């Protein structure tokens, strides 16, 4: 009987904390992943998560950006991966036939 009443109190406490946390977090400014990432640091201490939420919200940096400005930088990236740096990159093709399976007699594959 005690366990049920303790769970009921805990459930009421958790519900109260969740409402308090929701009132602190501004609408439409955080993704669910950002909020979950914050809360995961306080899995066993939901009351501490609510206490520190205001500080966490102040530490978040907001920025406005023009997404059209992002296009230019992407135009300079070589999506194929060639990079045209023959002094650094070199493509070699080994045309010799390889066995599809290699069986080793050793006990562990981690031995030298």
PDB file of N, CA and C in Angstrom:
ATOM      1  N   UNK A   1       0.813  -1.191   0.000  1.00  0.00           N
ATOM      2  CA  UNK A   1       0.000   0.000   0.000  1.00  0.00           C
ATOM      3  C   UNK A   1       0.861   1.262   0.000  1.00  0.00           C
ATOM      4  N   UNK A   2       1.982   1.220   0.727  1.00  0.00           N
ATOM      5  CA  UNK A   2       2.866   2.378   0.770  1.00  0.00           C
ATOM      6  C   UNK A   2       3.465   2.678  -0.596  1.00  0.00           C
ATOM      7  N   UNK A   3       3.847   1.623  -1.327  1.00  0.00           N
ATOM      8  CA  UNK A   3       4.445   1.819  -2.647  1.00  0.00           C
ATOM      9  C   UNK A   3       3.488   2.534  -3.592  1.00  0.00           C
ATOM     10  N   UNK A   4       2.194   2.178  -3.531  1.00  0.00           N
ATOM     11  CA  UNK A   4       1.215   2.815  -4.402  1.00  0.00           C
ATOM     12  C   UNK A   4       1.052   4.285  -4.068  1.00  0.00           C
ATOM     13  N   UNK A   5       1.010   4.618  -2.790  1.00  0.00           N
ATOM     14  CA  UNK A   5       0.861   6.026  -2.422  1.00  0.00           C
ATOM     15  C   UNK A   5       2.128   6.807  -2.757  1.00  0.00           C
ATOM     16  N   UNK A   6       3.311   6.181  -2.581  1.00  0.00           N
ATOM     17  CA  UNK A   6       4.566   6.843  -2.949  1.00  0.00           C
ATOM     18  C   UNK A   6       4.614   7.098  -4.447  1.00  0.00           C
ATOM     19  N   UNK A   7       4.150   6.119  -5.230  1.00  0.00           N
ATOM     20  CA  UNK A   7       4.109   6.304  -6.683  1.00  0.00           C
ATOM     21  C   UNK A   7       3.141   7.402  -7.075  1.00  0.00           C
ATOM     22  N   UNK A   8       1.996   7.475  -6.384  1.00  0.00           N
ATOM     23  CA  UNK A   8       1.010   8.510  -6.693  1.00  0.00           C
ATOM     24  C   UNK A   8       1.592   9.888  -6.392  1.00  0.00           C
ATOM     25  N   UNK A   9       2.284  10.026  -5.274  1.00  0.00           N
ATOM     26  CA  UNK A   9       2.920  11.304  -4.940  1.00  0.00           C
ATOM     27  C   UNK A   9       3.992  11.626  -5.967  1.00  0.00           C
ATOM     28  N   UNK A  10       4.771  10.608  -6.333  1.00  0.00           N
ATOM     29  CA  UNK A  10       5.824  10.833  -7.314  1.00  0.00           C
ATOM     30  C   UNK A  10       5.229  11.252  -8.651  1.00  0.00           C
ATOM     31  N   UNK A  11       4.156  10.612  -9.052  1.00  0.00           N
ATOM     32  CA  UNK A  11       3.498  10.954 -10.310  1.00  0.00           C
ATOM     33  C   UNK A  11       2.979  12.384 -10.268  1.00  0.00           C
ATOM     34  N   UNK A  12       2.358  12.772  -9.159  1.00  0.00           N
ATOM     35  CA  UNK A  12       1.865  14.145  -9.032  1.00  0.00           C
ATOM     36  C   UNK A  12       3.022  15.138  -9.071  1.00  0.00           C
ATOM     37  N   UNK A  13       4.127  14.800  -8.415  1.00  0.00           N
ATOM     38  CA  UNK A  13       5.298  15.676  -8.413  1.00  0.00           C
ATOM     39  C   UNK A  13       5.854  15.823  -9.819  1.00  0.00           C
ATOM     40  N   UNK A  14       5.979  14.715 -10.523  1.00  0.00           N
ATOM     41  CA  UNK A  14       6.499  14.741 -11.894  1.00  0.00           C
ATOM     42  C   UNK A  14       5.583  15.566 -12.788  1.00  0.00           C
ATOM     43  N   UNK A  15       4.285  15.398 -12.633  1.00  0.00           N
ATOM     44  CA  UNK A  15       3.349  16.174 -13.446  1.00  0.00           C
ATOM     45  C   UNK A  15       3.493  17.666 -13.163  1.00  0.00           C
ATOM     46  N   UNK A  16       3.647  18.016 -11.902  1.00  0.00           N
ATOM     47  CA  UNK A  16       3.829  19.419 -11.541  1.00  0.00           C
ATOM     48  C   UNK A  16       5.115  19.988 -12.107  1.00  0.00           C
ATOM     49  N   UNK A  17       6.197  19.195 -12.015  1.00  0.00           N
ATOM     50  CA  UNK A  17       7.481  19.639 -12.561  1.00  0.00           C
ATOM     51  C   UNK A  17       7.415  19.802 -14.073  1.00  0.00           C
ATOM     52  N   UNK A  18       6.700  18.889 -14.733  1.00  0.00           N
ATOM     53  CA  UNK A  18       6.611  18.980 -16.193  1.00  0.00           C
ATOM     54  C   UNK A  18       5.843  20.232 -16.624  1.00  0.00           C
ATOM     55  N   UNK A  19       4.806  20.573 -15.876  1.00  0.00           N
ATOM     56  CA  UNK A  19       4.053  21.794 -16.189  1.00  0.00           C
ATOM     57  C   UNK A  19       4.928  23.025 -15.948  1.00  0.00           C
ATOM     58  N   UNK A  20       5.665  23.005 -14.848  1.00  0.00           N
ATOM     59  CA  UNK A  20       6.557  24.125 -14.532  1.00  0.00           C
ATOM     60  C   UNK A  20       7.636  24.283 -15.603  1.00  0.00           C
ATOM     61  N   UNK A  21       8.211  23.164 -16.057  1.00  0.00           N
ATOM     62  CA  UNK A  21       9.231  23.210 -17.097  1.00  0.00           C
ATOM     63  C   UNK A  21       8.644  23.732 -18.408  1.00  0.00           C
ATOM     64  N   UNK A  22       7.453  23.263 -18.749  1.00  0.00           N
ATOM     65  CA  UNK A  22       6.815  23.684 -20.004  1.00  0.00           C
ATOM     66  C   UNK A  22       6.526  25.178 -20.003  1.00  0.00           C
ATOM     67  N   UNK A  23       6.197  25.729 -18.844  1.00  0.00           N
ATOM     68  CA  UNK A  23       5.930  27.165 -18.767  1.00  0.00           C
ATOM     69  C   UNK A  23       7.207  27.988 -18.931  1.00  0.00           C
ATOM     70  N   UNK A  24       8.358  27.419 -18.587  1.00  0.00           N
ATOM     71  CA  UNK A  24       9.632  28.132 -18.726  1.00  0.00           C
ATOM     72  C   UNK A  24      10.134  28.180 -20.166  1.00  0.00           C
ATOM     73  N   UNK A  25       9.867  27.131 -20.911  1.00  0.00           N
ATOM     74  CA  UNK A  25      10.420  26.997 -22.266  1.00  0.00           C
ATOM     75  C   UNK A  25       9.546  27.747 -23.262  1.00  0.00           C
ATOM     76  N   UNK A  26      10.134  28.694 -24.004  1.00  0.00           N
ATOM     77  CA  UNK A  26       9.341  29.439 -24.991  1.00  0.00           C
ATOM     78  C   UNK A  26       8.867  28.528 -26.127  1.00  0.00           C
ATOM     79  N   UNK A  27       7.681  28.800 -26.611  1.00  0.00           N
ATOM     80  CA  UNK A  27       7.096  27.983 -27.671  1.00  0.00           C
ATOM     81  C   UNK A  27       7.839  28.183 -28.989  1.00  0.00           C
ATOM     82  N   UNK A  28       7.969  27.122 -29.748  1.00  0.00           N
ATOM     83  CA  UNK A  28       8.504  27.132 -31.113  1.00  0.00           C
ATOM     84  C   UNK A  28       9.944  27.633 -31.217  1.00  0.00           C
ATOM     85  N   UNK A  29      10.733  27.506 -30.160  1.00  0.00           N
ATOM     86  CA  UNK A  29      12.127  27.931 -30.242  1.00  0.00           C
ATOM     87  C   UNK A  29      13.105  26.772 -30.060  1.00  0.00           C
ATOM     88  N   UNK A  30      12.622  25.635 -29.615  1.00  0.00           N
ATOM     89  CA  UNK A  30      13.491  24.483 -29.396  1.00  0.00           C
ATOM     90  C   UNK A  30      12.878  23.268 -30.057  1.00  0.00           C
ATOM     91  N   UNK A  31      13.742  22.410 -30.576  1.00  0.00           N
ATOM     92  CA  UNK A  31      13.255  21.149 -31.107  1.00  0.00           C
ATOM     93  C   UNK A  31      13.085  20.169 -29.949  1.00  0.00           C
ATOM     94  N   UNK A  32      12.334  19.127 -30.192  1.00  0.00           N
ATOM     95  CA  UNK A  32      12.170  18.093 -29.167  1.00  0.00           C
ATOM     96  C   UNK A  32      13.517  17.476 -28.813  1.00  0.00           C
ATOM     97  N   UNK A  33      14.403  17.354 -29.796  1.00  0.00           N
ATOM     98  CA  UNK A  33      15.726  16.780 -29.547  1.00  0.00           C
ATOM     99  C   UNK A  33      16.555  17.664 -28.614  1.00  0.00           C
ATOM    100  N   UNK A  34      16.460  18.978 -28.769  1.00  0.00           N
ATOM    101  CA  UNK A  34      17.208  19.886 -27.895  1.00  0.00           C
ATOM    102  C   UNK A  34      16.713  19.784 -26.456  1.00  0.00           C
ATOM    103  N   UNK A  35      15.416  19.728 -26.293  1.00  0.00           N
ATOM    104  CA  UNK A  35      14.845  19.619 -24.946  1.00  0.00           C
ATOM    105  C   UNK A  35      15.184  18.265 -24.337  1.00  0.00           C
ATOM    106  N   UNK A  36      15.074  17.226 -25.132  1.00  0.00           N
ATOM    107  CA  UNK A  36      15.393  15.889 -24.634  1.00  0.00           C
ATOM    108  C   UNK A  36      16.864  15.795 -24.249  1.00  0.00           C
ATOM    109  N   UNK A  37      17.729  16.384 -25.033  1.00  0.00           N
ATOM    110  CA  UNK A  37      19.160  16.372 -24.732  1.00  0.00           C
ATOM    111  C   UNK A  37      19.428  17.033 -23.388  1.00  0.00           C
ATOM    112  N   UNK A  38      18.756  18.133 -23.120  1.00  0.00           N
ATOM    113  CA  UNK A  38      18.918  18.811 -21.830  1.00  0.00           C
ATOM    114  C   UNK A  38      18.399  17.922 -20.695  1.00  0.00           C
ATOM    115  N   UNK A  39      17.203  17.394 -20.859  1.00  0.00           N
ATOM    116  CA  UNK A  39      16.581  16.619 -19.786  1.00  0.00           C
ATOM    117  C   UNK A  39      17.308  15.313 -19.494  1.00  0.00           C
ATOM    118  N   UNK A  40      17.964  14.739 -20.488  1.00  0.00           N
ATOM    119  CA  UNK A  40      18.695  13.487 -20.257  1.00  0.00           C
ATOM    120  C   UNK A  40      19.825  13.651 -19.246  1.00  0.00           C
ATOM    121  N   UNK A  41      20.313  14.860 -19.086  1.00  0.00           N
ATOM    122  CA  UNK A  41      21.344  15.104 -18.092  1.00  0.00           C
ATOM    123  C   UNK A  41      20.822  15.058 -16.668  1.00  0.00           C
ATOM    124  N   UNK A  42      19.510  14.996 -16.513  1.00  0.00           N
ATOM    125  CA  UNK A  42      18.892  15.016 -15.183  1.00  0.00           C
ATOM    126  C   UNK A  42      17.889  13.878 -15.031  1.00  0.00           C
ATOM    127  N   UNK A  43      18.219  12.705 -15.540  1.00  0.00           N
ATOM    128  CA  UNK A  43      17.281  11.580 -15.518  1.00  0.00           C
ATOM    129  C   UNK A  43      16.743  11.281 -14.122  1.00  0.00           C
ATOM    130  N   UNK A  44      17.622  11.304 -13.135  1.00  0.00           N
ATOM    131  CA  UNK A  44      17.225  10.951 -11.779  1.00  0.00           C
ATOM    132  C   UNK A  44      16.903  12.162 -10.917  1.00  0.00           C
ATOM    133  N   UNK A  45      17.000  13.363 -11.486  1.00  0.00           N
ATOM    134  CA  UNK A  45      16.784  14.589 -10.708  1.00  0.00           C
ATOM    135  C   UNK A  45      15.922  15.578 -11.485  1.00  0.00           C
ATOM    136  N   UNK A  46      14.646  15.256 -11.683  1.00  0.00           N
ATOM    137  CA  UNK A  46      13.803  16.161 -12.477  1.00  0.00           C
ATOM    138  C   UNK A  46      13.627  17.525 -11.836  1.00  0.00           C
ATOM    139  N   UNK A  47      13.675  17.591 -10.498  1.00  0.00           N
ATOM    140  CA  UNK A  47      13.526  18.878  -9.827  1.00  0.00           C
ATOM    141  C   UNK A  47      14.710  19.791 -10.130  1.00  0.00           C
ATOM    142  N   UNK A  48      15.905  19.210 -10.228  1.00  0.00           N
ATOM    143  CA  UNK A  48      17.101  19.991 -10.558  1.00  0.00           C
ATOM    144  C   UNK A  48      17.022  20.477 -12.007  1.00  0.00           C
ATOM    145  N   UNK A  49      16.471  19.648 -12.879  1.00  0.00           N
ATOM    146  CA  UNK A  49      16.316  20.055 -14.286  1.00  0.00           C
ATOM    147  C   UNK A  49      15.450  21.302 -14.389  1.00  0.00           C
ATOM    148  N   UNK A  50      14.387  21.354 -13.608  1.00  0.00           N
ATOM    149  CA  UNK A  50      13.504  22.527 -13.640  1.00  0.00           C
ATOM    150  C   UNK A  50      14.209  23.729 -13.014  1.00  0.00           C
ATOM    151  N   UNK A  51      14.938  23.502 -11.924  1.00  0.00           N
ATOM    152  CA  UNK A  51      15.645  24.604 -11.269  1.00  0.00           C
ATOM    153  C   UNK A  51      16.683  25.241 -12.191  1.00  0.00           C
ATOM    154  N   UNK A  52      17.366  24.423 -12.983  1.00  0.00           N
ATOM    155  CA  UNK A  52      18.446  24.933 -13.845  1.00  0.00           C
ATOM    156  C   UNK A  52      17.977  25.304 -15.244  1.00  0.00           C
ATOM    157  N   UNK A  53      16.699  25.119 -15.516  1.00  0.00           N
ATOM    158  CA  UNK A  53      16.182  25.376 -16.864  1.00  0.00           C
ATOM    159  C   UNK A  53      16.336  26.843 -17.266  1.00  0.00           C
ATOM    160  N   UNK A  54      16.073  27.751 -16.342  1.00  0.00           N
ATOM    161  CA  UNK A  54      16.177  29.172 -16.673  1.00  0.00           C
ATOM    162  C   UNK A  54      17.599  29.535 -17.089  1.00  0.00           C
ATOM    163  N   UNK A  55      18.588  29.005 -16.389  1.00  0.00           N
ATOM    164  CA  UNK A  55      19.992  29.254 -16.741  1.00  0.00           C
ATOM    165  C   UNK A  55      20.311  28.652 -18.106  1.00  0.00           C
ATOM    166  N   UNK A  56      19.819  27.432 -18.351  1.00  0.00           N
ATOM    167  CA  UNK A  56      20.039  26.770 -19.642  1.00  0.00           C
ATOM    168  C   UNK A  56      19.445  27.604 -20.771  1.00  0.00           C
ATOM    169  N   UNK A  57      18.264  28.144 -20.568  1.00  0.00           N
ATOM    170  CA  UNK A  57      17.614  28.945 -21.599  1.00  0.00           C
ATOM    171  C   UNK A  57      18.381  30.234 -21.869  1.00  0.00           C
ATOM    172  N   UNK A  58      19.012  30.801 -20.848  1.00  0.00           N
ATOM    173  CA  UNK A  58      19.811  32.016 -21.039  1.00  0.00           C
ATOM    174  C   UNK A  58      21.095  31.719 -21.804  1.00  0.00           C
ATOM    175  N   UNK A  59      21.618  30.512 -21.653  1.00  0.00           N
ATOM    176  CA  UNK A  59      22.884  30.146 -22.290  1.00  0.00           C
ATOM    177  C   UNK A  59      22.733  29.822 -23.771  1.00  0.00           C
ATOM    178  N   UNK A  60      21.524  29.636 -24.240  1.00  0.00           N
ATOM    179  CA  UNK A  60      21.286  29.292 -25.637  1.00  0.00           C
ATOM    180  C   UNK A  60      21.483  30.544 -26.493  1.00  0.00           C
ATOM    181  N   UNK A  61      22.209  30.391 -27.584  1.00  0.00           N
ATOM    182  CA  UNK A  61      22.483  31.502 -28.490  1.00  0.00           C
ATOM    183  C   UNK A  61      21.490  31.448 -29.647  1.00  0.00           C
ATOM    184  N   UNK A  62      20.885  32.587 -29.933  1.00  0.00           N
ATOM    185  CA  UNK A  62      19.954  32.684 -31.043  1.00  0.00           C
ATOM    186  C   UNK A  62      20.604  33.494 -32.154  1.00  0.00           C
ATOM    187  N   UNK A  63      20.325  33.122 -33.375  1.00  0.00           N
ATOM    188  CA  UNK A  63      20.857  33.876 -34.509  1.00  0.00           C
ATOM    189  C   UNK A  63      19.854  33.826 -35.650  1.00  0.00           C
ATOM    190  N   UNK A  64      19.754  34.927 -36.330  1.00  0.00           N
ATOM    191  CA  UNK A  64      18.948  34.978 -37.544  1.00  0.00           C
ATOM    192  C   UNK A  64      19.908  34.871 -38.716  1.00  0.00           C
ATOM    193  N   UNK A  65      19.535  34.073 -39.679  1.00  0.00           N
ATOM    194  CA  UNK A  65      20.410  33.936 -40.841  1.00  0.00           C
ATOM    195  C   UNK A  65      19.580  33.831 -42.101  1.00  0.00           C
ATOM    196  N   UNK A  66      20.192  34.271 -43.172  1.00  0.00           N
ATOM    197  CA  UNK A  66      19.567  34.200 -44.477  1.00  0.00           C
ATOM    198  C   UNK A  66      20.017  32.891 -45.122  1.00  0.00           C
ATOM    199  N   UNK A  67      19.098  31.972 -45.330  1.00  0.00           N
ATOM    200  CA  UNK A  67      19.454  30.676 -45.887  1.00  0.00           C
ATOM    201  C   UNK A  67      20.006  30.771 -47.308  1.00  0.00           C
ATOM    202  N   UNK A  68      19.692  31.849 -47.996  1.00  0.00           N
ATOM    203  CA  UNK A  68      20.237  32.036 -49.343  1.00  0.00           C
ATOM    204  C   UNK A  68      21.760  32.217 -49.298  1.00  0.00           C
ATOM    205  N   UNK A  69      22.282  32.741 -48.182  1.00  0.00           N
ATOM    206  CA  UNK A  69      23.727  32.913 -48.047  1.00  0.00           C
ATOM    207  C   UNK A  69      24.455  31.579 -47.914  1.00  0.00           C
ATOM    208  N   UNK A  70      23.751  30.530 -47.565  1.00  0.00           N
ATOM    209  CA  UNK A  70      24.377  29.212 -47.396  1.00  0.00           C
ATOM    210  C   UNK A  70      24.677  28.541 -48.737  1.00  0.00           C
ATOM    211  N   UNK A  71      23.999  28.950 -49.777  1.00  0.00           N
ATOM    212  CA  UNK A  71      24.143  28.294 -51.074  1.00  0.00           C
ATOM    213  C   UNK A  71      25.536  28.495 -51.652  1.00  0.00           C
ATOM    214  N   UNK A  72      26.080  29.688 -51.520  1.00  0.00           N
ATOM    215  CA  UNK A  72      27.386  29.974 -52.121  1.00  0.00           C
ATOM    216  C   UNK A  72      28.474  29.048 -51.577  1.00  0.00           C
ATOM    217  N   UNK A  73      28.509  28.841 -50.284  1.00  0.00           N
ATOM    218  CA  UNK A  73      29.513  27.965 -49.697  1.00  0.00           C
ATOM    219  C   UNK A  73      29.403  26.536 -50.198  1.00  0.00           C
ATOM    220  N   UNK A  74      28.188  26.073 -50.432  1.00  0.00           N
ATOM    221  CA  UNK A  74      27.994  24.716 -50.940  1.00  0.00           C
ATOM    222  C   UNK A  74      28.470  24.569 -52.384  1.00  0.00           C
ATOM    223  N   UNK A  75      28.503  25.655 -53.121  1.00  0.00           N
ATOM    224  CA  UNK A  75      28.947  25.591 -54.511  1.00  0.00           C
ATOM    225  C   UNK A  75      30.446  25.298 -54.600  1.00  0.00           C
ATOM    226  N   UNK A  76      31.195  25.633 -53.579  1.00  0.00           N
ATOM    227  CA  UNK A  76      32.637  25.398 -53.585  1.00  0.00           C
ATOM    228  C   UNK A  76      33.013  24.013 -53.079  1.00  0.00           C
ATOM    229  N   UNK A  77      32.077  23.283 -52.539  1.00  0.00           N
ATOM    230  CA  UNK A  77      32.375  21.950 -52.014  1.00  0.00           C
ATOM    231  C   UNK A  77      32.286  20.925 -53.133  1.00  0.00           C
ATOM    232  N   UNK A  78      33.297  20.084 -53.218  1.00  0.00           N
ATOM    233  CA  UNK A  78      33.328  19.045 -54.242  1.00  0.00           C
ATOM    234  C   UNK A  78      32.570  17.826 -53.721  1.00  0.00           C
ATOM    235  N   UNK A  79      31.303  17.687 -54.120  1.00  0.00           N
ATOM    236  CA  UNK A  79      30.461  16.619 -53.595  1.00  0.00           C
ATOM    237  C   UNK A  79      30.883  15.244 -54.102  1.00  0.00           C
ATOM    238  N   UNK A  80      31.629  15.197 -55.189  1.00  0.00           N
ATOM    239  CA  UNK A  80      32.090  13.923 -55.730  1.00  0.00           C
ATOM    240  C   UNK A  80      33.297  13.417 -54.938  1.00  0.00           C
ATOM    241  N   UNK A  81      34.025  14.320 -54.307  1.00  0.00           N
ATOM    242  CA  UNK A  81      35.163  13.922 -53.482  1.00  0.00           C
ATOM    243  C   UNK A  81      36.478  13.893 -54.211  1.00  0.00           C
ATOM    244  N   UNK A  82      36.561  14.435 -55.433  1.00  0.00           N
ATOM    245  CA  UNK A  82      37.816  14.412 -56.181  1.00  0.00           C
ATOM    246  C   UNK A  82      38.847  15.374 -55.638  1.00  0.00           C
ATOM    247  N   UNK A  83      38.428  16.540 -55.292  1.00  0.00           N
ATOM    248  CA  UNK A  83      39.243  17.596 -54.695  1.00  0.00           C
ATOM    249  C   UNK A  83      40.398  18.067 -55.580  1.00  0.00           C
ATOM    250  N   UNK A  84      40.697  17.401 -56.657  1.00  0.00           N
ATOM    251  CA  UNK A  84      41.696  17.838 -57.625  1.00  0.00           C
ATOM    252  C   UNK A  84      43.028  18.235 -56.997  1.00  0.00           C
ATOM    253  N   UNK A  85      43.445  17.527 -55.964  1.00  0.00           N
ATOM    254  CA  UNK A  85      44.736  17.764 -55.326  1.00  0.00           C
ATOM    255  C   UNK A  85      45.586  16.516 -55.566  1.00  0.00           C
ATOM    256  N   UNK A  86      46.193  16.446 -56.751  1.00  0.00           N
ATOM    257  CA  UNK A  86      46.949  15.254 -57.110  1.00  0.00           C
ATOM    258  C   UNK A  86      48.194  15.089 -56.245  1.00  0.00           C
ATOM    259  N   UNK A  87      48.630  16.168 -55.591  1.00  0.00           N
ATOM    260  CA  UNK A  87      49.773  16.045 -54.697  1.00  0.00           C
ATOM    261  C   UNK A  87      49.384  15.393 -53.370  1.00  0.00           C
ATOM    262  N   UNK A  88      48.087  15.363 -53.067  1.00  0.00           N
ATOM    263  CA  UNK A  88      47.620  14.795 -51.805  1.00  0.00           C
ATOM    264  C   UNK A  88      46.845  13.505 -52.024  1.00  0.00           C
ATOM    265  N   UNK A  89      45.963  13.491 -53.026  1.00  0.00           N
ATOM    266  CA  UNK A  89      45.107  12.339 -53.269  1.00  0.00           C
ATOM    267  C   UNK A  89      45.568  11.568 -54.499  1.00  0.00           C
ATOM    268  N   UNK A  90      45.496  10.254 -54.388  1.00  0.00           N
ATOM    269  CA  UNK A  90      45.857   9.407 -55.514  1.00  0.00           C
ATOM    270  C   UNK A  90      44.923   8.198 -55.507  1.00  0.00           C
ATOM    271  N   UNK A  91      44.348   7.880 -56.639  1.00  0.00           N
ATOM    272  CA  UNK A  91      43.459   6.733 -56.754  1.00  0.00           C
ATOM    273  C   UNK A  91      44.244   5.549 -57.294  1.00  0.00           C
ATOM    274  N   UNK A  92      44.188   4.439 -56.571  1.00  0.00           N
ATOM    275  CA  UNK A  92      44.832   3.213 -57.017  1.00  0.00           C
ATOM    276  C   UNK A  92      43.787   2.114 -57.053  1.00  0.00           C
ATOM    277  N   UNK A  93      43.816   1.306 -58.106  1.00  0.00           N
ATOM    278  CA  UNK A  93      42.884   0.197 -58.260  1.00  0.00           C
ATOM    279  C   UNK A  93      43.680  -1.095 -58.297  1.00  0.00           C
ATOM    280  N   UNK A  94      43.387  -1.993 -57.400  1.00  0.00           N
ATOM    281  CA  UNK A  94      44.017  -3.307 -57.371  1.00  0.00           C
ATOM    282  C   UNK A  94      43.110  -4.251 -58.147  1.00  0.00           C
ATOM    283  N   UNK A  95      43.568  -4.683 -59.317  1.00  0.00           N
ATOM    284  CA  UNK A  95      42.737  -5.513 -60.184  1.00  0.00           C
ATOM    285  C   UNK A  95      42.953  -7.011 -59.958  1.00  0.00           C
ATOM    286  N   UNK A  96      43.797  -7.368 -59.012  1.00  0.00           N
ATOM    287  CA  UNK A  96      44.023  -8.798 -58.768  1.00  0.00           C
ATOM    288  C   UNK A  96      42.791  -9.406 -58.098  1.00  0.00           C
ATOM    289  N   UNK A  97      42.564 -10.670 -58.450  1.00  0.00           N
ATOM    290  CA  UNK A  97      41.392 -11.366 -57.926  1.00  0.00           C
ATOM    291  C   UNK A  97      41.625 -11.749 -56.466  1.00  0.00           C
ATOM    292  N   UNK A  98      40.625 -11.522 -55.630  1.00  0.00           N
ATOM    293  CA  UNK A  98      40.687 -11.841 -54.211  1.00  0.00           C
ATOM    294  C   UNK A  98      39.661 -12.910 -53.886  1.00  0.00           C
ATOM    295  N   UNK A  99      40.002 -13.741 -52.895  1.00  0.00           N
ATOM    296  CA  UNK A  99      39.044 -14.734 -52.419  1.00  0.00           C
ATOM    297  C   UNK A  99      37.950 -14.025 -51.618  1.00  0.00           C
ATOM    298  N   UNK A 100      36.684 -14.411 -51.815  1.00  0.00           N
ATOM    299  CA  UNK A 100      35.607 -13.729 -51.097  1.00  0.00           C
ATOM    300  C   UNK A 100      35.610 -14.020 -49.588  1.00  0.00           C
ATOM    301  N   UNK A 101      36.205 -15.179 -49.209  1.00  0.00           N
ATOM    302  CA  UNK A 101      36.242 -15.549 -47.794  1.00  0.00           C
ATOM    303  C   UNK A 101      37.651 -15.978 -47.459  1.00  0.00           C
ATOM    304  N   UNK A 102      38.130 -15.549 -46.321  1.00  0.00           N
ATOM    305  CA  UNK A 102      39.458 -15.925 -45.862  1.00  0.00           C
ATOM    306  C   UNK A 102      39.310 -16.626 -44.519  1.00  0.00           C
ATOM    307  N   UNK A 103      39.701 -17.902 -44.455  1.00  0.00           N
ATOM    308  CA  UNK A 103      39.614 -18.663 -43.220  1.00  0.00           C
ATOM    309  C   UNK A 103      40.973 -18.651 -42.543  1.00  0.00           C
ATOM    310  N   UNK A 104      40.985 -18.327 -41.247  1.00  0.00           N
ATOM    311  CA  UNK A 104      42.217 -18.314 -40.476  1.00  0.00           C
ATOM    312  C   UNK A 104      42.161 -19.421 -39.434  1.00  0.00           C
ATOM    313  N   UNK A 105      43.283 -20.038 -39.197  1.00  0.00           N
ATOM    314  CA  UNK A 105      43.363 -21.132 -38.228  1.00  0.00           C
ATOM    315  C   UNK A 105      43.655 -20.624 -36.810  1.00  0.00           C
ATOM    316  N   UNK A 106      43.952 -19.352 -36.656  1.00  0.00           N
ATOM    317  CA  UNK A 106      44.308 -18.802 -35.362  1.00  0.00           C
ATOM    318  C   UNK A 106      43.071 -18.727 -34.462  1.00  0.00           C
ATOM    319  N   UNK A 107      43.311 -18.717 -33.138  1.00  0.00           N
ATOM    320  CA  UNK A 107      42.223 -18.688 -32.171  1.00  0.00           C
ATOM    321  C   UNK A 107      41.483 -17.354 -32.166  1.00  0.00           C
ATOM    322  N   UNK A 108      42.195 -16.279 -32.321  1.00  0.00           N
ATOM    323  CA  UNK A 108      41.585 -14.963 -32.257  1.00  0.00           C
ATOM    324  C   UNK A 108      42.041 -14.126 -33.439  1.00  0.00           C
ATOM    325  N   UNK A 109      41.172 -13.329 -33.948  1.00  0.00           N
ATOM    326  CA  UNK A 109      41.537 -12.448 -35.047  1.00  0.00           C
ATOM    327  C   UNK A 109      42.318 -11.245 -34.547  1.00  0.00           C
ATOM    328  N   UNK A 110      42.442 -11.080 -33.239  1.00  0.00           N
ATOM    329  CA  UNK A 110      43.159  -9.941 -32.678  1.00  0.00           C
ATOM    330  C   UNK A 110      44.632 -10.243 -32.382  1.00  0.00           C
ATOM    331  N   UNK A 111      45.083 -11.441 -32.692  1.00  0.00           N
ATOM    332  CA  UNK A 111      46.487 -11.783 -32.457  1.00  0.00           C
ATOM    333  C   UNK A 111      47.352 -11.241 -33.585  1.00  0.00           C
ATOM    334  N   UNK A 112      48.585 -10.893 -33.253  1.00  0.00           N
ATOM    335  CA  UNK A 112      49.513 -10.369 -34.273  1.00  0.00           C
ATOM    336  C   UNK A 112      50.135 -11.497 -35.047  1.00  0.00           C
TER     337      UNK A 112
END
